[in-house]
Amino acid sequence: MSANEDQEMELEALRSIYEGDESFRELSPVSFQYRIGENGDPKAFLIEISWTETYPQTPPIISMNAFFNNTISSAVKQSILAKLQEAVEVNLGTAMTYTLFEYAKDNKEQFMENHHPVNSTTPISNIISVETPNIAPSSKKKDKREQLSKAQKRKLADKTDHKGELPRGWNWVDVVKLSKTGSKDDE
């Protein structure tokens, strides 16, 4: 069998196995994501597997760079990827996407045993609070805001209410007029 035939067979099998599974997502016919763990679980992570041209004779590309994984430290990510690469070496030459996802599900606790949630906003706020006293108040620059002319302000005020919100129904379609004339697509 050629690599393309193997990929087509595996793609069909993955679609039938994971049909209705919310954790599985097919990004393209050669790229897949699977969420290991429940949505609210702090130890949940997302694995992305992309097939190369010659997959399964060559290893797939495994990534954990998804935004979902931002709370996981890079050391934990690297250890998970290293363990998955070991599983790839064992299964090289066979269809292994399902095997890798199941291997990750079965070993989730072992993978995440050294995991301590990383809050990406905490270090930044600490840095800011430490550096703030060193900056002189006179050296701060104010952000320049876009200046509107009186006419532009008046026009904006006429369109919106006192809160700056557009009035209810500003983008509604006249159904009677549309039924008489037809939509743009009907032409």
Protein backbone atom coordinates (compact mmCIF):
# COMPACT_ATOMS: atom_id res chain seq x y z
CA MET A 1 0.00 0.00 0.00
CA SER A 2 1.16 3.53 -0.70
CA ALA A 3 1.38 6.20 1.98
CA ASN A 4 -1.69 8.01 0.60
CA GLU A 5 -3.81 4.83 0.73
CA ASP A 6 -2.69 4.20 4.33
CA GLN A 7 -3.56 7.78 5.23
CA GLU A 8 -7.00 7.55 3.61
CA MET A 9 -7.76 4.32 5.48
CA GLU A 10 -6.60 5.77 8.80
CA LEU A 11 -8.55 8.99 8.18
CA GLU A 12 -11.72 6.98 7.58
CA ALA A 13 -11.08 4.92 10.72
CA LEU A 14 -10.46 8.03 12.86
CA ARG A 15 -13.66 9.66 11.62
CA SER A 16 -15.70 6.56 12.49
CA ILE A 17 -14.04 6.04 15.90
CA TYR A 18 -14.27 9.64 17.08
CA GLU A 19 -17.65 10.48 15.55
CA GLY A 20 -19.52 12.55 18.13
CA ASP A 21 -16.49 12.82 20.47
CA GLU A 22 -16.17 16.47 21.52
CA SER A 23 -12.51 16.00 22.45
CA PHE A 24 -11.50 15.11 18.88
CA ARG A 25 -11.20 17.74 16.16
CA GLU A 26 -10.11 17.28 12.56
CA LEU A 27 -8.30 20.46 11.49
CA SER A 28 -7.59 19.16 7.99
CA PRO A 29 -7.43 15.70 6.37
CA VAL A 30 -3.85 15.38 7.67
CA SER A 31 -4.02 17.32 10.96
CA PHE A 32 -5.91 16.37 14.14
CA GLN A 33 -6.33 17.65 17.69
CA TYR A 34 -7.41 15.69 20.75
CA ARG A 35 -8.12 17.10 24.22
CA ILE A 36 -6.93 14.78 26.95
CA GLY A 37 -9.09 15.34 30.05
CA GLU A 38 -12.32 17.20 30.66
CA ASN A 39 -12.82 20.86 29.77
CA GLY A 40 -12.58 22.23 33.33
CA ASP A 41 -9.81 19.88 34.42
CA PRO A 42 -6.62 21.81 35.31
CA LYS A 43 -4.56 18.82 34.16
CA ALA A 44 -6.20 18.65 30.73
CA PHE A 45 -4.01 19.21 27.67
CA LEU A 46 -4.35 19.27 23.90
CA ILE A 47 -2.27 17.23 21.45
CA GLU A 48 -2.04 18.11 17.77
CA ILE A 49 -0.80 15.48 15.31
CA SER A 50 -0.03 16.36 11.69
CA TRP A 51 0.87 13.77 9.10
CA THR A 52 3.81 14.23 6.76
CA GLU A 53 3.72 13.29 3.06
CA THR A 54 5.21 9.84 3.73
CA TYR A 55 3.37 9.06 6.99
CA PRO A 56 3.16 6.29 8.43
CA GLN A 57 6.65 5.33 7.19
CA THR A 58 7.91 8.59 8.72
CA PRO A 59 6.88 9.95 12.11
CA PRO A 60 4.05 12.49 12.33
CA ILE A 61 4.58 15.99 13.68
CA ILE A 62 3.33 16.16 17.29
CA SER A 63 2.70 19.59 18.78
CA MET A 64 1.47 21.03 22.06
CA ASN A 65 1.64 24.70 21.01
CA ALA A 66 -2.12 25.24 21.16
CA PHE A 67 -3.47 28.13 23.24
CA PHE A 68 -5.28 25.55 25.39
CA ASN A 69 -1.86 24.44 26.73
CA ASN A 70 -0.70 27.88 27.92
CA THR A 71 -1.06 26.93 31.58
CA ILE A 72 1.32 23.97 31.20
CA SER A 73 5.00 24.63 31.79
CA SER A 74 7.38 24.02 28.91
CA ALA A 75 9.23 21.31 30.90
CA VAL A 76 6.02 19.28 31.27
CA LYS A 77 5.22 19.79 27.59
CA GLN A 78 8.69 18.56 26.61
CA SER A 79 8.39 15.47 28.80
CA ILE A 80 4.99 14.62 27.28
CA LEU A 81 6.36 15.09 23.77
CA ALA A 82 9.40 12.93 24.58
CA LYS A 83 7.19 10.09 25.84
CA LEU A 84 4.96 10.39 22.78
CA GLN A 85 8.04 10.28 20.52
CA GLU A 86 9.04 6.99 22.18
CA ALA A 87 5.59 5.62 21.31
CA VAL A 88 6.04 6.87 17.74
CA GLU A 89 9.33 4.96 17.39
CA VAL A 90 7.63 1.75 18.52
CA ASN A 91 4.72 2.15 16.07
CA LEU A 92 6.66 3.49 13.07
CA GLY A 93 5.33 2.04 9.82
CA THR A 94 1.80 1.50 11.13
CA ALA A 95 -1.19 3.79 11.56
CA MET A 96 -0.52 5.37 14.94
CA THR A 97 -2.70 8.47 15.44
CA TYR A 98 -5.38 6.59 17.39
CA THR A 99 -2.68 4.73 19.32
CA LEU A 100 -0.97 7.99 20.32
CA PHE A 101 -4.22 9.61 21.46
CA GLU A 102 -5.14 6.53 23.52
CA TYR A 103 -1.60 6.30 24.94
CA ALA A 104 -1.88 9.92 26.07
CA LYS A 105 -5.33 9.30 27.59
CA ASP A 106 -4.13 6.20 29.47
CA ASN A 107 -0.99 7.93 30.82
CA LYS A 108 -2.48 11.38 31.53
CA GLU A 109 -1.85 11.20 35.28
CA GLN A 110 1.74 10.07 34.77
CA PHE A 111 2.34 12.85 32.19
CA MET A 112 0.91 15.54 34.44
CA GLU A 113 2.34 14.42 37.80
CA ASN A 114 4.86 17.31 37.85
CA HIS A 115 2.31 19.81 36.54
CA HIS A 116 1.74 22.97 38.51
CA PRO A 117 -0.62 25.38 36.72
CA VAL A 118 1.27 28.35 35.34
CA ASN A 119 -0.66 31.59 35.57
CA SER A 120 0.76 33.66 32.73
CA THR A 121 -0.54 36.97 34.17
CA THR A 122 1.11 36.63 37.60
CA PRO A 123 4.75 37.00 36.49
CA ILE A 124 3.90 39.97 34.28
CA SER A 125 2.07 41.82 37.07
CA ASN A 126 4.95 41.11 39.46
CA ILE A 127 7.42 42.54 36.98
CA ILE A 128 5.29 45.61 36.47
CA SER A 129 4.81 46.23 40.19
CA VAL A 130 8.56 45.87 40.83
CA GLU A 131 9.56 48.22 38.01
CA THR A 132 6.87 50.87 38.60
CA PRO A 133 8.63 52.67 41.52
CA ASN A 134 11.78 53.12 39.43
CA ILE A 135 9.99 55.10 36.73
CA ALA A 136 9.64 58.82 37.34
CA PRO A 137 6.05 60.11 36.96
CA SER A 138 7.14 62.92 34.64
CA SER A 139 8.66 60.48 32.13
CA LYS A 140 5.38 58.65 31.52
CA LYS A 141 3.93 59.31 28.09
CA LYS A 142 0.18 59.49 27.65
CA ASP A 143 -1.33 57.41 24.89
CA LYS A 144 -2.51 59.61 22.08
CA ARG A 145 -6.18 59.12 21.41
CA GLU A 146 -7.74 59.66 18.05
CA GLN A 147 -9.03 63.23 17.92
CA LEU A 148 -12.49 63.67 16.41
CA SER A 149 -13.71 66.89 14.86
CA LYS A 150 -16.90 68.54 16.11
CA ALA A 151 -18.77 67.28 13.05
CA GLN A 152 -17.57 63.72 13.63
CA LYS A 153 -18.60 63.87 17.30
CA ARG A 154 -22.02 65.28 16.38
CA LYS A 155 -22.57 62.56 13.77
CA LEU A 156 -21.57 59.86 16.28
CA ALA A 157 -23.87 61.34 18.92
CA ASP A 158 -26.79 61.40 16.47
CA LYS A 159 -26.33 57.70 15.66
CA THR A 160 -26.06 56.46 19.25
CA ASP A 161 -27.90 56.94 22.51
CA HIS A 162 -26.43 58.59 25.63
CA LYS A 163 -24.43 55.44 26.46
CA GLY A 164 -22.76 55.29 23.04
CA GLU A 165 -24.74 52.24 21.96
CA LEU A 166 -26.57 51.93 18.66
CA PRO A 167 -30.37 51.95 18.98
CA ARG A 168 -32.30 48.71 18.98
CA GLY A 169 -33.07 47.53 15.46
CA TRP A 170 -30.52 49.67 13.62
CA ASN A 171 -29.60 46.77 11.33
CA TRP A 172 -32.98 45.07 10.97
CA VAL A 173 -34.28 44.03 7.55
CA ASP A 174 -37.70 45.14 6.31
CA VAL A 175 -39.30 41.73 5.66
CA VAL A 176 -42.22 43.08 3.59
CA LYS A 177 -39.93 45.07 1.30
CA LEU A 178 -37.56 42.12 0.97
CA SER A 179 -40.39 39.73 0.05
CA LYS A 180 -41.51 42.12 -2.73
CA THR A 181 -38.06 42.78 -4.19
CA GLY A 182 -36.13 39.61 -3.30
CA SER A 183 -32.67 39.36 -1.80
CA LYS A 184 -29.34 40.02 -3.53
CA ASP A 185 -28.80 36.26 -3.94
CA ASP A 186 -32.01 35.82 -5.97
CA GLU A 187 -30.76 37.93 -8.87
